[in-house]
Each structure stands twice: as C-alpha cells, then as structure tokens.
Amino acid sequence: MMVMQNLREKDLVDVCDWLGLERDPNDHKQFKSDGVRLCVNGTKWFDHNAQKGGGGAIDLVIHVKNCTFKQAVAFLGDTHATTTTQTPIKPRTPTKPPEPDNSGIFAITAYLTNERGLNHDFVQWCINRGLIYADSRRNCVFKYGETGAELRGIGEKQWRAVYGTIERGFILPAANAVGVAVVESAIDALSYRQLHRTVITVSLAGNSNHKVIEQAVMIAHSKRLPVISAFDNDKGGNIAHELLSDCAISNGVALISDRPETKDWNTELNSLKKAAYEDSI
C-alpha cells in the first residue's frame, strides 16, 4: 500500500518528462504532445484537449499512454522512472507567430461575427489596432505582445494553437475601468469584454501562465482595481483561479470571482443573446 501511495505522489512535472511530453518554454507546468495539452499543479492535472482532469501520477500515465492501471504502475516503477537524477528534456524552439496577410481579413471577420457572435464594430476595432489579424492560411491570429500569438483555425476542422513565446497577455483595454478580468483564451477575452465594457480583459492563452497572471495583477495593482477571476467553468479553470488568487493575495490586490454559468464566456455571450432574442419575440 505504501509503495502504491509513493507512486501516486510522484512529482507530476517529472512524470510528464518521463512520458516524453514537450514542456511549454514559458511555463514548466504546461506540457504537450500529439493530442495532449496538459497543465499540472501539485498532484492535480488537466488535459485541455480532452477537457479531462485527475489527480496523481498513476491516473496521469493511464490517461496519456491509454494503458491499464497495471501497466501504469509498471511504468512508474521502472528503473528510469525512479532515478533521482533525471536529465531534463530540452524544450523545442518555439515557432514564431505568422506574418499578417490582409487577404484573409474578411474571412476571419466573418468567423468572429457569424460563428462566435461577436460585435462587428468591436472586432473591427481590434483589427485596426493590430490585436487581431489573418495569416496566409486564413487563420485567425490574436497577438500576445511582440513575441507570441494564439491561432484559431476557422475552417471545417476548427483548432487552436499557441505560437511563439507568451510573455504578455492578449489585452483589451477599457475606458473608466472598474476591474481587470483574466480569462483563458482570446475568444473568451473578446466575449467577456463585450459583456463588460468597463473591464480591462487579459487572456493567458492557457490556464497557468505565471508571467501573464502576474502582469494582469500588476495592471490591477497600478490602477488600484480588483482583479477578476473569469476562467472557464471546469477543472482547468479551477487551477487557474487558484494561481490567480495566490498572486493577488501576494500583491495585496482584491480578487473577485466571476465564472461563467455555462462552459466559457463565448458560450455565455451567445446564450444571453439567444435569450434576449427569444424574449423579444
């Protein structure tokens, strides 16, 4: 029983390395491989692609390797997994954000307004300021400072990826701001900002980028505003909320929780629009 408990309590960062997962160069608690995009926090883990989380090293190995309990225990008990001096996996050089290509502007505008339900004028405002652009493949690109970008495929197979180095958030300013909201994706940032016009909104492009969390808290601190935890209503959002809460407390910034009733803020935005339309009939 003690041996089994020791296996469950192995450091999840080490386990991700043993599994051959690629570390995020910005945050060593985030990992990815084909079909898997994980974040770990203590004994908890969450896979954004599968929208599934759990606790402990054994469950993590079962999930990533798609193996049995017995196979996971054997993997963790192997000599290579019990060695105390592991050679860290060197992160790959991050791919640079793609260059803008104005030929795809109309396509991404249609995607954001028709499929995501965002206000056309608001989307155009973001495009005019270089916060959103199209690349040569007509992907929708959200700019995270000068070194990073979040991409959304707008074709039949809609996908999401992060390119470059995320050192700053995707930030939507607000006049006469009453708070600084932190969300997980650029789509959620746009949706939340559309619903709350007096709130500065910051996206992490994930749920545990410590640099961007600290940046958002520092914005709130400098403006003497509360920071708002507006993460997705799931286990990954819970992890992000804990990280933001710790950072806010450490810096003496008030924290407000405003999580969506539905899965995320884009779903919330469109649910509210649908309800308003039905009420008007």
Protein backbone atom coordinates (compact mmCIF):
# COMPACT_ATOMS: atom_id res chain seq x y z
CA MET A 1 0.00 0.00 0.00
CA MET A 2 2.84 2.39 0.87
CA VAL A 3 4.56 1.63 -2.46
CA MET A 4 1.35 2.41 -4.34
CA GLN A 5 0.93 5.69 -2.45
CA ASN A 6 4.51 6.66 -3.30
CA LEU A 7 3.82 6.03 -7.00
CA ARG A 8 0.68 8.17 -6.91
CA GLU A 9 2.57 11.02 -5.25
CA LYS A 10 5.45 11.21 -7.73
CA ASP A 11 6.17 14.73 -8.98
CA LEU A 12 3.88 15.26 -11.99
CA VAL A 13 6.43 17.52 -13.69
CA ASP A 14 8.91 14.63 -13.61
CA VAL A 15 6.25 12.20 -14.81
CA CYS A 16 5.46 14.42 -17.80
CA ASP A 17 9.18 14.42 -18.66
CA TRP A 18 9.33 10.62 -18.38
CA LEU A 19 6.31 10.40 -20.69
CA GLY A 20 8.23 12.40 -23.27
CA LEU A 21 5.86 15.38 -23.24
CA GLU A 22 7.17 18.72 -24.52
CA ARG A 23 7.47 21.46 -21.91
CA ASP A 24 6.00 24.88 -22.59
CA PRO A 25 9.01 27.23 -22.76
CA ASN A 26 7.02 29.90 -20.88
CA ASP A 27 5.67 27.71 -18.11
CA HIS A 28 7.27 24.47 -16.95
CA LYS A 29 3.96 23.27 -15.54
CA GLN A 30 2.42 23.01 -19.02
CA PHE A 31 3.16 20.16 -21.42
CA LYS A 32 2.00 18.98 -24.81
CA SER A 33 2.33 16.20 -27.37
CA ASP A 34 0.20 14.93 -30.23
CA GLY A 35 -3.38 15.11 -28.96
CA VAL A 36 -2.46 16.15 -25.40
CA ARG A 37 -2.19 19.64 -23.85
CA LEU A 38 -1.62 19.28 -20.10
CA CYS A 39 -1.16 21.56 -17.15
CA VAL A 40 -0.10 20.27 -13.73
CA ASN A 41 -0.43 21.87 -10.31
CA GLY A 42 0.72 19.91 -7.31
CA THR A 43 -0.93 16.50 -7.53
CA LYS A 44 -3.61 17.69 -9.98
CA TRP A 45 -3.51 17.62 -13.79
CA PHE A 46 -5.83 18.74 -16.56
CA ASP A 47 -5.82 17.97 -20.30
CA HIS A 48 -7.31 20.90 -22.23
CA ASN A 49 -7.72 18.90 -25.43
CA ALA A 50 -9.71 16.13 -23.76
CA GLN A 51 -11.33 18.50 -21.22
CA LYS A 52 -10.47 15.93 -18.58
CA GLY A 53 -8.53 16.15 -15.34
CA GLY A 54 -7.47 14.00 -12.44
CA GLY A 55 -5.07 13.55 -9.58
CA GLY A 56 -1.89 11.58 -9.08
CA ALA A 57 0.82 10.12 -11.27
CA ILE A 58 -0.91 6.80 -11.95
CA ASP A 59 -4.04 8.43 -13.38
CA LEU A 60 -1.87 10.74 -15.49
CA VAL A 61 0.08 7.84 -17.02
CA ILE A 62 -3.15 5.91 -17.73
CA HIS A 63 -4.55 8.98 -19.49
CA VAL A 64 -1.50 9.86 -21.60
CA LYS A 65 -0.45 6.30 -22.52
CA ASN A 66 -4.05 4.98 -22.77
CA CYS A 67 -2.94 1.98 -20.75
CA THR A 68 -4.22 -0.14 -17.88
CA PHE A 69 -3.69 0.51 -14.17
CA LYS A 70 -1.20 -2.37 -14.01
CA GLN A 71 0.77 -1.00 -16.97
CA ALA A 72 0.87 2.49 -15.44
CA VAL A 73 2.19 1.12 -12.15
CA ALA A 74 4.84 -0.84 -14.03
CA PHE A 75 5.85 2.28 -15.97
CA LEU A 76 6.23 4.36 -12.80
CA GLY A 77 8.10 1.54 -11.09
CA ASP A 78 10.64 1.16 -13.89
CA THR A 79 14.27 1.99 -13.12
CA HIS A 80 14.24 5.05 -15.39
CA ALA A 81 11.24 6.45 -13.53
CA THR A 82 12.69 6.03 -10.06
CA THR A 83 16.10 7.56 -10.71
CA THR A 84 16.60 10.72 -8.73
CA THR A 85 18.87 12.39 -11.29
CA GLN A 86 16.70 12.83 -14.36
CA THR A 87 18.07 14.63 -17.42
CA PRO A 88 15.52 17.36 -18.21
CA ILE A 89 14.05 17.39 -21.68
CA LYS A 90 15.17 20.47 -23.56
CA PRO A 91 12.17 22.46 -24.84
CA ARG A 92 11.91 22.85 -28.60
CA THR A 93 12.50 26.25 -30.08
CA PRO A 94 9.03 27.83 -30.20
CA THR A 95 7.58 28.55 -33.63
CA LYS A 96 7.39 32.25 -34.42
CA PRO A 97 3.95 33.88 -34.86
CA PRO A 98 2.91 34.01 -38.54
CA GLU A 99 3.10 37.19 -40.58
CA PRO A 100 -0.13 39.13 -41.31
CA ASP A 101 -1.87 38.62 -44.65
CA ASN A 102 -4.70 41.09 -45.27
CA SER A 103 -6.30 38.85 -47.89
CA GLY A 104 -7.88 36.82 -45.09
CA ILE A 105 -9.36 39.73 -43.10
CA PHE A 106 -12.91 39.27 -44.41
CA ALA A 107 -12.79 35.53 -43.63
CA ILE A 108 -11.70 35.96 -40.02
CA THR A 109 -14.15 38.84 -39.51
CA ALA A 110 -16.99 36.58 -40.71
CA TYR A 111 -15.79 33.81 -38.37
CA LEU A 112 -15.69 36.07 -35.33
CA THR A 113 -19.02 37.77 -36.00
CA ASN A 114 -21.11 34.97 -37.54
CA GLU A 115 -19.77 31.89 -35.76
CA ARG A 116 -18.61 33.44 -32.48
CA GLY A 117 -21.35 36.05 -32.16
CA LEU A 118 -19.03 38.99 -31.55
CA ASN A 119 -19.94 42.56 -32.39
CA HIS A 120 -18.70 43.56 -35.86
CA ASP A 121 -17.59 47.06 -34.83
CA PHE A 122 -15.74 45.67 -31.81
CA VAL A 123 -13.94 43.11 -33.99
CA GLN A 124 -13.01 45.82 -36.48
CA TRP A 125 -11.71 47.98 -33.64
CA CYS A 126 -9.37 45.16 -32.61
CA ILE A 127 -8.23 44.55 -36.20
CA ASN A 128 -7.49 48.25 -36.73
CA ARG A 129 -5.24 48.20 -33.65
CA GLY A 130 -3.35 45.09 -34.72
CA LEU A 131 -4.69 42.97 -31.88
CA ILE A 132 -6.25 40.53 -34.37
CA TYR A 133 -5.05 39.67 -37.87
CA ALA A 134 -5.20 36.94 -40.53
CA ASP A 135 -2.23 34.89 -41.69
CA SER A 136 -1.53 33.47 -45.15
CA ARG A 137 -3.61 30.37 -44.35
CA ARG A 138 -6.58 32.50 -43.27
CA ASN A 139 -6.20 31.51 -39.66
CA CYS A 140 -7.43 33.97 -37.06
CA VAL A 141 -4.41 35.27 -35.13
CA PHE A 142 -4.59 37.02 -31.74
CA LYS A 143 -1.50 38.98 -30.77
CA TYR A 144 0.17 38.43 -27.38
CA GLY A 145 2.75 41.19 -27.16
CA GLU A 146 5.56 41.13 -29.72
CA THR A 147 6.64 37.52 -29.30
CA GLY A 148 3.53 35.35 -29.10
CA ALA A 149 0.21 34.61 -30.77
CA GLU A 150 -2.83 32.41 -30.35
CA LEU A 151 -4.19 30.93 -33.58
CA ARG A 152 -7.67 29.67 -34.39
CA GLY A 153 -8.42 27.60 -37.46
CA ILE A 154 -11.67 28.81 -39.00
CA GLY A 155 -12.26 26.01 -41.50
CA GLU A 156 -14.28 22.83 -41.12
CA LYS A 157 -11.81 21.49 -38.55
CA GLN A 158 -11.56 24.34 -36.08
CA TRP A 159 -8.46 24.13 -33.92
CA ARG A 160 -6.44 26.24 -31.52
CA ALA A 161 -2.67 26.60 -31.11
CA VAL A 162 -0.12 28.90 -29.50
CA TYR A 163 2.89 30.15 -31.46
CA GLY A 164 5.99 31.92 -30.21
CA THR A 165 6.67 32.90 -26.62
CA ILE A 166 3.77 34.14 -24.50
CA GLU A 167 5.33 36.73 -22.21
CA ARG A 168 2.44 39.22 -22.32
CA GLY A 169 -1.29 38.70 -22.41
CA PHE A 170 -3.82 39.43 -25.12
CA ILE A 171 -5.11 42.64 -23.56
CA LEU A 172 -8.32 44.52 -24.31
CA PRO A 173 -8.31 47.99 -22.67
CA ALA A 174 -11.38 49.74 -21.27
CA ALA A 175 -12.16 53.36 -20.50
CA ASN A 176 -13.09 54.15 -16.88
CA ALA A 177 -12.19 50.59 -15.93
CA VAL A 178 -13.66 49.06 -12.78
CA GLY A 179 -11.58 45.88 -12.81
CA VAL A 180 -9.09 43.65 -14.63
CA ALA A 181 -10.56 40.30 -15.73
CA VAL A 182 -8.34 37.31 -16.51
CA VAL A 183 -9.55 34.60 -18.89
CA GLU A 184 -8.06 31.58 -20.66
CA SER A 185 -8.37 32.43 -24.37
CA ALA A 186 -8.59 35.41 -26.71
CA ILE A 187 -12.13 34.42 -27.76
CA ASP A 188 -13.16 34.47 -24.10
CA ALA A 189 -11.43 37.85 -23.66
CA LEU A 190 -13.42 39.32 -26.54
CA SER A 191 -16.65 37.79 -25.26
CA TYR A 192 -16.13 38.96 -21.67
CA ARG A 193 -15.10 42.44 -22.77
CA GLN A 194 -18.22 42.70 -24.97
CA LEU A 195 -20.38 41.81 -21.97
CA HIS A 196 -18.44 44.06 -19.56
CA ARG A 197 -17.40 47.25 -21.36
CA THR A 198 -15.72 48.84 -18.34
CA VAL A 199 -13.41 45.91 -17.56
CA ILE A 200 -9.85 45.54 -18.86
CA THR A 201 -9.60 41.95 -20.09
CA VAL A 202 -6.46 39.81 -20.25
CA SER A 203 -6.10 36.35 -21.76
CA LEU A 204 -3.40 33.86 -20.72
CA ALA A 205 -3.56 31.62 -23.82
CA GLY A 206 -3.92 28.70 -21.40
CA ASN A 207 -4.64 28.46 -17.73
CA SER A 208 -1.34 28.70 -15.86
CA ASN A 209 1.00 31.20 -17.50
CA HIS A 210 2.54 32.70 -14.37
CA LYS A 211 4.08 35.63 -16.26
CA VAL A 212 0.76 36.80 -17.68
CA ILE A 213 -1.07 36.21 -14.40
CA GLU A 214 1.47 38.43 -12.67
CA GLN A 215 1.16 41.03 -15.45
CA ALA A 216 -2.63 41.16 -15.00
CA VAL A 217 -2.30 41.52 -11.23
CA MET A 218 0.28 44.30 -11.68
CA ILE A 219 -2.09 46.16 -14.04
CA ALA A 220 -4.80 45.92 -11.39
CA HIS A 221 -2.39 46.99 -8.66
CA SER A 222 -1.15 50.03 -10.60
CA LYS A 223 -4.70 51.19 -11.30
CA ARG A 224 -5.95 50.30 -7.80
CA LEU A 225 -8.55 47.96 -9.26
CA PRO A 226 -9.67 44.46 -8.26
CA VAL A 227 -8.58 41.53 -10.39
CA ILE A 228 -11.43 39.34 -11.63
CA SER A 229 -11.11 35.57 -11.99
CA ALA A 230 -13.21 34.86 -15.09
CA PHE A 231 -11.81 31.47 -16.07
CA ASP A 232 -13.75 28.63 -17.70
CA ASN A 233 -16.21 26.70 -15.59
CA ASP A 234 -14.16 23.49 -15.47
CA LYS A 235 -11.24 21.85 -13.65
CA GLY A 236 -8.69 23.77 -15.68
CA GLY A 237 -10.42 26.99 -14.70
CA ASN A 238 -10.22 25.96 -11.06
CA ILE A 239 -6.45 25.51 -11.34
CA ALA A 240 -6.08 28.95 -12.95
CA HIS A 241 -8.28 30.51 -10.26
CA GLU A 242 -6.02 29.17 -7.51
CA LEU A 243 -2.91 30.56 -9.21
CA LEU A 244 -4.51 33.97 -9.72
CA SER A 245 -5.77 34.01 -6.15
CA ASP A 246 -2.29 33.30 -4.77
CA CYS A 247 -0.74 36.05 -6.91
CA ALA A 248 -3.42 38.59 -5.96
CA ILE A 249 -3.02 37.87 -2.25
CA SER A 250 0.78 38.13 -2.51
CA ASN A 251 0.48 41.59 -4.10
CA GLY A 252 -2.33 42.96 -1.95
CA VAL A 253 -4.86 43.07 -4.80
CA ALA A 254 -8.55 42.37 -4.21
CA LEU A 255 -9.88 39.29 -6.03
CA ILE A 256 -13.41 38.86 -7.41
CA SER A 257 -14.66 35.59 -8.87
CA ASP A 258 -16.91 35.87 -11.93
CA ARG A 259 -17.01 32.44 -13.55
CA PRO A 260 -19.48 31.76 -16.38
CA GLU A 261 -22.60 29.73 -15.67
CA THR A 262 -22.00 27.86 -18.94
CA LYS A 263 -18.67 26.34 -20.02
CA ASP A 264 -16.94 29.55 -21.11
CA TRP A 265 -17.62 33.21 -21.87
CA ASN A 266 -18.24 32.79 -25.59
CA THR A 267 -20.93 30.21 -24.82
CA GLU A 268 -22.28 32.59 -22.17
CA LEU A 269 -22.35 35.51 -24.61
CA ASN A 270 -24.31 33.58 -27.21
CA SER A 271 -26.67 32.09 -24.61
CA LEU A 272 -27.53 35.58 -23.38
CA LYS A 273 -28.01 36.85 -26.94
CA LYS A 274 -30.33 33.94 -27.70
CA ALA A 275 -32.33 34.53 -24.52
CA ALA A 276 -32.67 38.24 -25.34
CA TYR A 277 -33.86 37.40 -28.86
CA GLU A 278 -36.44 34.91 -27.57
CA ASP A 279 -37.70 37.45 -25.02
CA SER A 280 -38.25 39.96 -27.82
CA ILE A 281 -40.43 37.63 -29.88
